[in-house]
Amino acid sequence: VLVPRVLETAVLGSAILGAVGIGVASDLTAA
């Protein structure tokens, strides 16, 4: 079992999309 560093994965997914949306990350893969 691989335990992720961040357990709140739904919130993390939103943060990833937000980072791409505001340009903090260049694309989804980078985020």
PDB file of all heavy atoms in Angstrom:
ATOM      1  N   VAL A   1       0.856  -1.166   0.000  1.00  0.00           N
ATOM      2  CA  VAL A   1       0.000   0.000   0.000  1.00  0.00           C
ATOM      3  C   VAL A   1       0.897   1.222   0.000  1.00  0.00           C
ATOM      4  O   VAL A   1       1.791   1.346   0.835  1.00  0.00           O
ATOM      5  CB  VAL A   1      -0.916   0.017   1.249  1.00  0.00           C
ATOM      6  CG1 VAL A   1      -1.731   1.286   1.301  1.00  0.00           C
ATOM      7  CG2 VAL A   1      -1.800  -1.210   1.289  1.00  0.00           C
ATOM      8  N   LEU A   2       0.656   2.115  -0.937  1.00  0.00           N
ATOM      9  CA  LEU A   2       1.395   3.370  -0.981  1.00  0.00           C
ATOM     10  C   LEU A   2       0.551   4.454  -0.311  1.00  0.00           C
ATOM     11  O   LEU A   2      -0.582   4.703  -0.728  1.00  0.00           O
ATOM     12  CB  LEU A   2       1.711   3.764  -2.421  1.00  0.00           C
ATOM     13  CG  LEU A   2       2.564   2.755  -3.202  1.00  0.00           C
ATOM     14  CD1 LEU A   2       2.726   3.210  -4.639  1.00  0.00           C
ATOM     15  CD2 LEU A   2       3.908   2.554  -2.537  1.00  0.00           C
ATOM     16  N   VAL A   3       1.075   5.063   0.718  1.00  0.00           N
ATOM     17  CA  VAL A   3       0.366   6.089   1.467  1.00  0.00           C
ATOM     18  C   VAL A   3       0.802   7.450   0.936  1.00  0.00           C
ATOM     19  O   VAL A   3       1.982   7.797   1.001  1.00  0.00           O
ATOM     20  CB  VAL A   3       0.678   5.987   2.981  1.00  0.00           C
ATOM     21  CG1 VAL A   3      -0.073   7.064   3.765  1.00  0.00           C
ATOM     22  CG2 VAL A   3       0.336   4.591   3.502  1.00  0.00           C
ATOM     23  N   PRO A   4      -0.148   8.232   0.401  1.00  0.00           N
ATOM     24  CA  PRO A   4       0.236   9.531  -0.155  1.00  0.00           C
ATOM     25  C   PRO A   4       0.655  10.515   0.930  1.00  0.00           C
ATOM     26  O   PRO A   4       0.224  10.423   2.076  1.00  0.00           O
ATOM     27  CB  PRO A   4      -1.030  10.006  -0.865  1.00  0.00           C
ATOM     28  CG  PRO A   4      -2.139   9.276  -0.214  1.00  0.00           C
ATOM     29  CD  PRO A   4      -1.574   7.972   0.278  1.00  0.00           C
ATOM     30  N   ARG A   5       1.498  11.460   0.550  1.00  0.00           N
ATOM     31  CA  ARG A   5       1.960  12.498   1.473  1.00  0.00           C
ATOM     32  C   ARG A   5       0.779  13.346   1.949  1.00  0.00           C
ATOM     33  O   ARG A   5       0.700  13.734   3.108  1.00  0.00           O
ATOM     34  CB  ARG A   5       3.005  13.366   0.775  1.00  0.00           C
ATOM     35  CG  ARG A   5       3.735  14.322   1.681  1.00  0.00           C
ATOM     36  CD  ARG A   5       4.922  14.994   1.008  1.00  0.00           C
ATOM     37  NE  ARG A   5       4.534  15.717  -0.192  1.00  0.00           N
ATOM     38  CZ  ARG A   5       5.111  15.546  -1.393  1.00  0.00           C
ATOM     39  NH1 ARG A   5       6.089  14.695  -1.551  1.00  0.00           N
ATOM     40  NH2 ARG A   5       4.695  16.239  -2.431  1.00  0.00           N
ATOM     41  N   VAL A   6      -0.171  13.635   1.062  1.00  0.00           N
ATOM     42  CA  VAL A   6      -1.378  14.386   1.406  1.00  0.00           C
ATOM     43  C   VAL A   6      -2.549  13.416   1.339  1.00  0.00           C
ATOM     44  O   VAL A   6      -2.815  12.832   0.284  1.00  0.00           O
ATOM     45  CB  VAL A   6      -1.604  15.570   0.434  1.00  0.00           C
ATOM     46  CG1 VAL A   6      -2.909  16.288   0.753  1.00  0.00           C
ATOM     47  CG2 VAL A   6      -0.427  16.524   0.483  1.00  0.00           C
ATOM     48  N   LEU A   7      -3.249  13.252   2.465  1.00  0.00           N
ATOM     49  CA  LEU A   7      -4.342  12.284   2.519  1.00  0.00           C
ATOM     50  C   LEU A   7      -5.655  12.830   1.967  1.00  0.00           C
ATOM     51  O   LEU A   7      -6.516  12.071   1.543  1.00  0.00           O
ATOM     52  CB  LEU A   7      -4.537  11.794   3.957  1.00  0.00           C
ATOM     53  CG  LEU A   7      -3.344  11.063   4.562  1.00  0.00           C
ATOM     54  CD1 LEU A   7      -3.633  10.679   6.017  1.00  0.00           C
ATOM     55  CD2 LEU A   7      -2.979   9.835   3.749  1.00  0.00           C
ATOM     56  N   GLU A   8      -5.834  14.132   1.970  1.00  0.00           N
ATOM     57  CA  GLU A   8      -7.064  14.753   1.463  1.00  0.00           C
ATOM     58  C   GLU A   8      -6.955  14.893  -0.053  1.00  0.00           C
ATOM     59  O   GLU A   8      -6.736  15.988  -0.583  1.00  0.00           O
ATOM     60  CB  GLU A   8      -7.290  16.111   2.135  1.00  0.00           C
ATOM     61  CG  GLU A   8      -7.500  16.019   3.630  1.00  0.00           C
ATOM     62  CD  GLU A   8      -8.807  15.348   4.002  1.00  0.00           C
ATOM     63  OE1 GLU A   8      -9.729  15.299   3.167  1.00  0.00           O
ATOM     64  OE2 GLU A   8      -8.897  14.867   5.135  1.00  0.00           O
ATOM     65  N   THR A   9      -7.126  13.787  -0.765  1.00  0.00           N
ATOM     66  CA  THR A   9      -6.851  13.780  -2.201  1.00  0.00           C
ATOM     67  C   THR A   9      -7.841  14.588  -3.022  1.00  0.00           C
ATOM     68  O   THR A   9      -7.468  15.147  -4.055  1.00  0.00           O
ATOM     69  CB  THR A   9      -6.774  12.338  -2.725  1.00  0.00           C
ATOM     70  OG1 THR A   9      -7.977  11.634  -2.381  1.00  0.00           O
ATOM     71  CG2 THR A   9      -5.576  11.603  -2.131  1.00  0.00           C
ATOM     72  N   ALA A  10      -9.093  14.697  -2.588  1.00  0.00           N
ATOM     73  CA  ALA A  10     -10.051  15.516  -3.334  1.00  0.00           C
ATOM     74  C   ALA A  10      -9.643  16.988  -3.276  1.00  0.00           C
ATOM     75  O   ALA A  10      -9.670  17.694  -4.291  1.00  0.00           O
ATOM     76  CB  ALA A  10     -11.461  15.329  -2.788  1.00  0.00           C
ATOM     77  N   VAL A  11      -9.245  17.425  -2.103  1.00  0.00           N
ATOM     78  CA  VAL A  11      -8.793  18.808  -1.942  1.00  0.00           C
ATOM     79  C   VAL A  11      -7.508  19.028  -2.737  1.00  0.00           C
ATOM     80  O   VAL A  11      -7.330  20.065  -3.389  1.00  0.00           O
ATOM     81  CB  VAL A  11      -8.583  19.137  -0.442  1.00  0.00           C
ATOM     82  CG1 VAL A  11      -7.959  20.505  -0.256  1.00  0.00           C
ATOM     83  CG2 VAL A  11      -9.902  19.033   0.303  1.00  0.00           C
ATOM     84  N   LEU A  12      -6.607  18.052  -2.690  1.00  0.00           N
ATOM     85  CA  LEU A  12      -5.359  18.156  -3.437  1.00  0.00           C
ATOM     86  C   LEU A  12      -5.630  18.267  -4.933  1.00  0.00           C
ATOM     87  O   LEU A  12      -5.000  19.069  -5.633  1.00  0.00           O
ATOM     88  CB  LEU A  12      -4.447  16.967  -3.136  1.00  0.00           C
ATOM     89  CG  LEU A  12      -3.120  16.938  -3.875  1.00  0.00           C
ATOM     90  CD1 LEU A  12      -2.278  18.171  -3.564  1.00  0.00           C
ATOM     91  CD2 LEU A  12      -2.358  15.668  -3.541  1.00  0.00           C
ATOM     92  N   GLY A  13      -6.565  17.469  -5.435  1.00  0.00           N
ATOM     93  CA  GLY A  13      -6.913  17.551  -6.851  1.00  0.00           C
ATOM     94  C   GLY A  13      -7.411  18.936  -7.235  1.00  0.00           C
ATOM     95  O   GLY A  13      -7.040  19.479  -8.280  1.00  0.00           O
ATOM     96  N   SER A  14      -8.214  19.519  -6.371  1.00  0.00           N
ATOM     97  CA  SER A  14      -8.694  20.887  -6.623  1.00  0.00           C
ATOM     98  C   SER A  14      -7.538  21.881  -6.619  1.00  0.00           C
ATOM     99  O   SER A  14      -7.488  22.794  -7.454  1.00  0.00           O
ATOM    100  CB  SER A  14      -9.721  21.288  -5.565  1.00  0.00           C
ATOM    101  OG  SER A  14     -10.859  20.459  -5.646  1.00  0.00           O
ATOM    102  N   ALA A  15      -6.621  21.699  -5.688  1.00  0.00           N
ATOM    103  CA  ALA A  15      -5.458  22.596  -5.625  1.00  0.00           C
ATOM    104  C   ALA A  15      -4.596  22.463  -6.878  1.00  0.00           C
ATOM    105  O   ALA A  15      -4.088  23.461  -7.398  1.00  0.00           O
ATOM    106  CB  ALA A  15      -4.633  22.291  -4.382  1.00  0.00           C
ATOM    107  N   ILE A  16      -4.438  21.249  -7.359  1.00  0.00           N
ATOM    108  CA  ILE A  16      -3.664  21.020  -8.579  1.00  0.00           C
ATOM    109  C   ILE A  16      -4.312  21.750  -9.757  1.00  0.00           C
ATOM    110  O   ILE A  16      -3.646  22.459 -10.513  1.00  0.00           O
ATOM    111  CB  ILE A  16      -3.513  19.512  -8.851  1.00  0.00           C
ATOM    112  CG1 ILE A  16      -2.558  18.898  -7.823  1.00  0.00           C
ATOM    113  CG2 ILE A  16      -3.052  19.236 -10.278  1.00  0.00           C
ATOM    114  CD1 ILE A  16      -2.551  17.378  -7.814  1.00  0.00           C
ATOM    115  N   LEU A  17      -5.616  21.577  -9.910  1.00  0.00           N
ATOM    116  CA  LEU A  17      -6.323  22.261 -11.001  1.00  0.00           C
ATOM    117  C   LEU A  17      -6.247  23.770 -10.851  1.00  0.00           C
ATOM    118  O   LEU A  17      -6.056  24.495 -11.832  1.00  0.00           O
ATOM    119  CB  LEU A  17      -7.777  21.802 -11.058  1.00  0.00           C
ATOM    120  CG  LEU A  17      -7.995  20.345 -11.459  1.00  0.00           C
ATOM    121  CD1 LEU A  17      -9.471  19.971 -11.323  1.00  0.00           C
ATOM    122  CD2 LEU A  17      -7.494  20.084 -12.868  1.00  0.00           C
ATOM    123  N   GLY A  18      -6.370  24.255  -9.612  1.00  0.00           N
ATOM    124  CA  GLY A  18      -6.266  25.687  -9.365  1.00  0.00           C
ATOM    125  C   GLY A  18      -4.892  26.225  -9.712  1.00  0.00           C
ATOM    126  O   GLY A  18      -4.767  27.315 -10.290  1.00  0.00           O
ATOM    127  N   ALA A  19      -3.842  25.463  -9.369  1.00  0.00           N
ATOM    128  CA  ALA A  19      -2.471  25.909  -9.678  1.00  0.00           C
ATOM    129  C   ALA A  19      -2.277  26.060 -11.181  1.00  0.00           C
ATOM    130  O   ALA A  19      -1.648  27.013 -11.642  1.00  0.00           O
ATOM    131  CB  ALA A  19      -1.461  24.922  -9.100  1.00  0.00           C
ATOM    132  N   VAL A  20      -2.831  25.131 -11.946  1.00  0.00           N
ATOM    133  CA  VAL A  20      -2.732  25.235 -13.406  1.00  0.00           C
ATOM    134  C   VAL A  20      -3.575  26.409 -13.886  1.00  0.00           C
ATOM    135  O   VAL A  20      -3.136  27.208 -14.726  1.00  0.00           O
ATOM    136  CB  VAL A  20      -3.161  23.917 -14.092  1.00  0.00           C
ATOM    137  CG1 VAL A  20      -3.200  24.083 -15.604  1.00  0.00           C
ATOM    138  CG2 VAL A  20      -2.224  22.776 -13.698  1.00  0.00           C
ATOM    139  N   GLY A  21      -4.769  26.552 -13.322  1.00  0.00           N
ATOM    140  CA  GLY A  21      -5.682  27.611 -13.747  1.00  0.00           C
ATOM    141  C   GLY A  21      -5.143  29.011 -13.546  1.00  0.00           C
ATOM    142  O   GLY A  21      -5.384  29.895 -14.365  1.00  0.00           O
ATOM    143  N   ILE A  22      -4.394  29.223 -12.468  1.00  0.00           N
ATOM    144  CA  ILE A  22      -3.867  30.580 -12.219  1.00  0.00           C
ATOM    145  C   ILE A  22      -2.432  30.740 -12.708  1.00  0.00           C
ATOM    146  O   ILE A  22      -1.825  31.795 -12.527  1.00  0.00           O
ATOM    147  CB  ILE A  22      -3.960  30.973 -10.730  1.00  0.00           C
ATOM    148  CG1 ILE A  22      -3.074  30.079  -9.855  1.00  0.00           C
ATOM    149  CG2 ILE A  22      -5.401  30.964 -10.267  1.00  0.00           C
ATOM    150  CD1 ILE A  22      -2.938  30.576  -8.424  1.00  0.00           C
ATOM    151  N   GLY A  23      -1.916  29.695 -13.347  1.00  0.00           N
ATOM    152  CA  GLY A  23      -0.593  29.805 -13.952  1.00  0.00           C
ATOM    153  C   GLY A  23       0.586  29.528 -13.040  1.00  0.00           C
ATOM    154  O   GLY A  23       1.729  29.739 -13.432  1.00  0.00           O
ATOM    155  N   VAL A  24       0.346  29.056 -11.824  1.00  0.00           N
ATOM    156  CA  VAL A  24       1.449  28.708 -10.924  1.00  0.00           C
ATOM    157  C   VAL A  24       2.192  27.476 -11.449  1.00  0.00           C
ATOM    158  O   VAL A  24       3.395  27.363 -11.280  1.00  0.00           O
ATOM    159  CB  VAL A  24       0.928  28.463  -9.485  1.00  0.00           C
ATOM    160  CG1 VAL A  24       2.016  27.924  -8.572  1.00  0.00           C
ATOM    161  CG2 VAL A  24       0.334  29.744  -8.927  1.00  0.00           C
ATOM    162  N   ALA A  25       1.446  26.577 -12.074  1.00  0.00           N
ATOM    163  CA  ALA A  25       2.044  25.398 -12.706  1.00  0.00           C
ATOM    164  C   ALA A  25       1.764  25.484 -14.198  1.00  0.00           C
ATOM    165  O   ALA A  25       0.703  25.940 -14.621  1.00  0.00           O
ATOM    166  CB  ALA A  25       1.456  24.114 -12.128  1.00  0.00           C
ATOM    167  N   SER A  26       2.710  25.030 -14.994  1.00  0.00           N
ATOM    168  CA  SER A  26       2.576  25.160 -16.447  1.00  0.00           C
ATOM    169  C   SER A  26       1.532  24.219 -17.043  1.00  0.00           C
ATOM    170  O   SER A  26       0.902  24.547 -18.041  1.00  0.00           O
ATOM    171  CB  SER A  26       3.928  24.927 -17.124  1.00  0.00           C
ATOM    172  OG  SER A  26       4.420  23.638 -16.796  1.00  0.00           O
ATOM    173  N   ASP A  27       1.365  23.061 -16.434  1.00  0.00           N
ATOM    174  CA  ASP A  27       0.376  22.097 -16.919  1.00  0.00           C
ATOM    175  C   ASP A  27       0.053  21.107 -15.802  1.00  0.00           C
ATOM    176  O   ASP A  27       0.659  21.141 -14.727  1.00  0.00           O
ATOM    177  CB  ASP A  27       0.865  21.376 -18.182  1.00  0.00           C
ATOM    178  CG  ASP A  27       2.183  20.650 -17.988  1.00  0.00           C
ATOM    179  OD1 ASP A  27       2.440  20.108 -16.897  1.00  0.00           O
ATOM    180  OD2 ASP A  27       2.981  20.624 -18.946  1.00  0.00           O
ATOM    181  N   LEU A  28      -0.910  20.229 -16.066  1.00  0.00           N
ATOM    182  CA  LEU A  28      -1.325  19.264 -15.039  1.00  0.00           C
ATOM    183  C   LEU A  28      -0.179  18.360 -14.604  1.00  0.00           C
ATOM    184  O   LEU A  28      -0.015  18.100 -13.409  1.00  0.00           O
ATOM    185  CB  LEU A  28      -2.499  18.421 -15.540  1.00  0.00           C
ATOM    186  CG  LEU A  28      -3.871  19.075 -15.492  1.00  0.00           C
ATOM    187  CD1 LEU A  28      -4.919  18.168 -16.119  1.00  0.00           C
ATOM    188  CD2 LEU A  28      -4.256  19.430 -14.068  1.00  0.00           C
ATOM    189  N   THR A  29       0.597  17.872 -15.546  1.00  0.00           N
ATOM    190  CA  THR A  29       1.700  16.973 -15.199  1.00  0.00           C
ATOM    191  C   THR A  29       2.674  17.656 -14.254  1.00  0.00           C
ATOM    192  O   THR A  29       3.090  17.079 -13.235  1.00  0.00           O
ATOM    193  CB  THR A  29       2.419  16.475 -16.466  1.00  0.00           C
ATOM    194  OG1 THR A  29       1.469  15.796 -17.290  1.00  0.00           O
ATOM    195  CG2 THR A  29       3.552  15.529 -16.124  1.00  0.00           C
ATOM    196  N   ALA A  30       3.024  18.885 -14.533  1.00  0.00           N
ATOM    197  CA  ALA A  30       3.950  19.627 -13.670  1.00  0.00           C
ATOM    198  C   ALA A  30       3.352  19.844 -12.286  1.00  0.00           C
ATOM    199  O   ALA A  30       4.043  19.689 -11.263  1.00  0.00           O
ATOM    200  CB  ALA A  30       4.314  20.959 -14.314  1.00  0.00           C
ATOM    201  N   ALA A  31       2.078  20.192 -12.230  1.00  0.00           N
ATOM    202  CA  ALA A  31       1.423  20.424 -10.946  1.00  0.00           C
ATOM    203  C   ALA A  31       1.347  19.137 -10.131  1.00  0.00           C
ATOM    204  O   ALA A  31       1.602  19.137  -8.927  1.00  0.00           O
ATOM    205  CB  ALA A  31       0.030  21.002 -11.163  1.00  0.00           C
TER     206      ALA A  31
END
